[in-house]
Amino acid sequence: MPYPQPAAERAWQELRATLDRARANLDRVRAAPTTMPEERRALQRVAASGELGPEMRELARHVEAGRTTWADVFEGASPYTDLLRPHLDRMVALHGESVRRQIEADPEFDPMAPHDDM
C-alpha cells in the first residue's frame, strides 16, 4: 500500500531540510580554520624533525613540496591522509585513557545530547 501523498511529501521536506542543515554546517566547519598559522608552522617543524614518527616526517615532506596541506590531511582530502593513522594510533594509546577520564568527569558532557548546533 503506497504512503499517503501528504505524509510522503512531509518526509521529503524533512529530509531536504536536514540535508540543507548538514551542508550549511559542513560549509561552516570548512570555512573555519582548525589551526592557526603558527600552529601549522610548529606542526611542520616537529613533524619534519621526525619526532612524531616516520609517517609524519613523510607527511611534512609532502606539505613542504606543496603536494598537500595539513588541512587536507586532517580533513581526509589528501592522498596522503593514511600516513596520519600511525601517529593517531600512538596518540590514542598514549592519551586515550586520560581523555576518556576527563570527558567522563565533565558534568556538562552528555553523549546522548543532540548535536544540532554542529
Protein backbone atom coordinates (compact mmCIF):
# COMPACT_ATOMS: atom_id res chain seq x y z
CA MET A 1 0.00 0.00 0.00
CA PRO A 2 1.62 3.31 -1.03
CA TYR A 3 2.16 6.06 1.51
CA PRO A 4 -0.38 8.83 1.55
CA GLN A 5 0.97 11.70 -0.54
CA PRO A 6 0.95 14.33 2.25
CA ALA A 7 2.99 12.10 4.58
CA ALA A 8 5.50 11.26 1.86
CA GLU A 9 5.83 14.93 0.90
CA ARG A 10 6.41 15.89 4.55
CA ALA A 11 9.08 13.20 4.83
CA TRP A 12 10.83 14.51 1.70
CA GLN A 13 10.65 18.07 3.02
CA GLU A 14 12.18 16.99 6.33
CA LEU A 15 14.91 15.08 4.52
CA ARG A 16 15.72 18.07 2.29
CA ALA A 17 15.77 20.39 5.31
CA THR A 18 18.09 18.02 7.18
CA LEU A 19 20.42 17.81 4.19
CA ASP A 20 20.40 21.60 3.84
CA ARG A 21 21.32 21.98 7.52
CA ALA A 22 24.07 19.38 7.19
CA ARG A 23 25.50 21.14 4.12
CA ALA A 24 25.38 24.51 5.88
CA ASN A 25 27.14 23.06 8.93
CA LEU A 26 29.77 21.42 6.75
CA ASP A 27 30.36 24.71 4.91
CA ARG A 28 30.68 26.50 8.26
CA VAL A 29 33.22 23.97 9.52
CA ARG A 30 35.20 24.10 6.29
CA ALA A 31 35.28 27.90 6.43
CA ALA A 32 36.74 27.98 9.95
CA PRO A 33 40.44 27.15 10.15
CA THR A 34 41.13 24.29 12.53
CA THR A 35 44.61 25.56 13.33
CA MET A 36 46.31 28.90 13.39
CA PRO A 37 49.28 29.61 11.08
CA GLU A 38 51.75 29.44 13.95
CA GLU A 39 50.34 26.04 14.99
CA ARG A 40 50.74 24.73 11.43
CA ARG A 41 54.34 26.01 11.31
CA ALA A 42 55.08 24.32 14.63
CA LEU A 43 53.50 21.07 13.44
CA GLN A 44 55.52 21.24 10.22
CA ARG A 45 58.73 21.81 12.16
CA VAL A 46 58.15 18.98 14.67
CA ALA A 47 56.87 16.54 12.04
CA ALA A 48 59.82 17.27 9.74
CA SER A 49 62.22 16.59 12.60
CA GLY A 50 60.97 13.01 12.86
CA GLU A 51 59.93 13.48 16.48
CA LEU A 52 56.36 12.43 15.59
CA GLY A 53 57.41 9.34 13.69
CA PRO A 54 58.47 8.47 10.16
CA GLU A 55 54.98 8.79 8.69
CA MET A 56 54.58 12.32 9.99
CA ARG A 57 58.03 13.17 8.63
CA GLU A 58 56.89 11.91 5.24
CA LEU A 59 53.72 14.00 5.51
CA ALA A 60 55.83 17.05 6.33
CA ARG A 61 57.85 16.41 3.18
CA HIS A 62 54.68 16.27 1.08
CA VAL A 63 53.42 19.50 2.68
CA GLU A 64 56.79 21.21 2.16
CA ALA A 65 56.79 20.13 -1.50
CA GLY A 66 53.30 21.57 -1.98
CA ARG A 67 51.72 18.20 -2.79
CA THR A 68 49.24 18.57 0.08
CA THR A 69 48.39 20.74 3.07
CA TRP A 70 47.94 19.91 6.73
CA ALA A 71 44.31 21.00 6.44
CA ASP A 72 43.72 18.50 3.63
CA VAL A 73 45.48 15.76 5.59
CA PHE A 74 43.32 16.32 8.68
CA GLU A 75 40.12 16.64 6.64
CA GLY A 76 40.83 13.38 4.85
CA ALA A 77 41.04 15.16 1.49
CA SER A 78 44.74 14.46 0.92
CA PRO A 79 46.00 11.41 -0.94
CA TYR A 80 48.48 11.07 1.93
CA THR A 81 45.95 11.02 4.79
CA ASP A 82 46.67 7.34 5.53
CA LEU A 83 50.11 8.39 6.74
CA LEU A 84 48.39 10.11 9.67
CA ARG A 85 46.94 6.87 11.06
CA PRO A 86 50.07 5.53 12.87
CA HIS A 87 50.52 8.87 14.65
CA LEU A 88 46.87 8.96 15.70
CA ASP A 89 47.07 5.37 16.91
CA ARG A 90 50.11 6.28 19.04
CA MET A 91 48.32 9.32 20.46
CA VAL A 92 45.21 7.28 21.34
CA ALA A 93 47.36 4.64 23.02
CA LEU A 94 49.28 7.30 24.91
CA HIS A 95 46.48 9.72 25.85
CA GLY A 96 43.19 7.91 25.24
CA GLU A 97 42.54 6.82 28.81
CA SER A 98 43.30 10.29 30.19
CA VAL A 99 40.97 11.93 27.67
CA ARG A 100 38.23 9.40 28.46
CA ARG A 101 38.51 10.17 32.19
CA GLN A 102 38.38 13.92 31.54
CA ILE A 103 35.28 13.58 29.37
CA GLU A 104 33.56 11.36 31.93
CA ALA A 105 34.40 13.85 34.68
CA ASP A 106 32.84 16.75 32.75
CA PRO A 107 29.39 17.27 34.31
CA GLU A 108 28.17 19.05 31.17
CA PHE A 109 29.13 16.26 28.77
CA ASP A 110 26.12 14.29 27.60
CA PRO A 111 26.86 11.68 24.94
CA MET A 112 23.15 11.38 24.23
CA ALA A 113 22.64 15.11 23.61
CA PRO A 114 21.64 16.04 20.06
CA HIS A 115 24.30 17.85 18.05
CA ASP A 116 22.01 20.29 16.27
CA ASP A 117 24.50 23.13 16.64
CA MET A 118 27.31 21.25 14.89
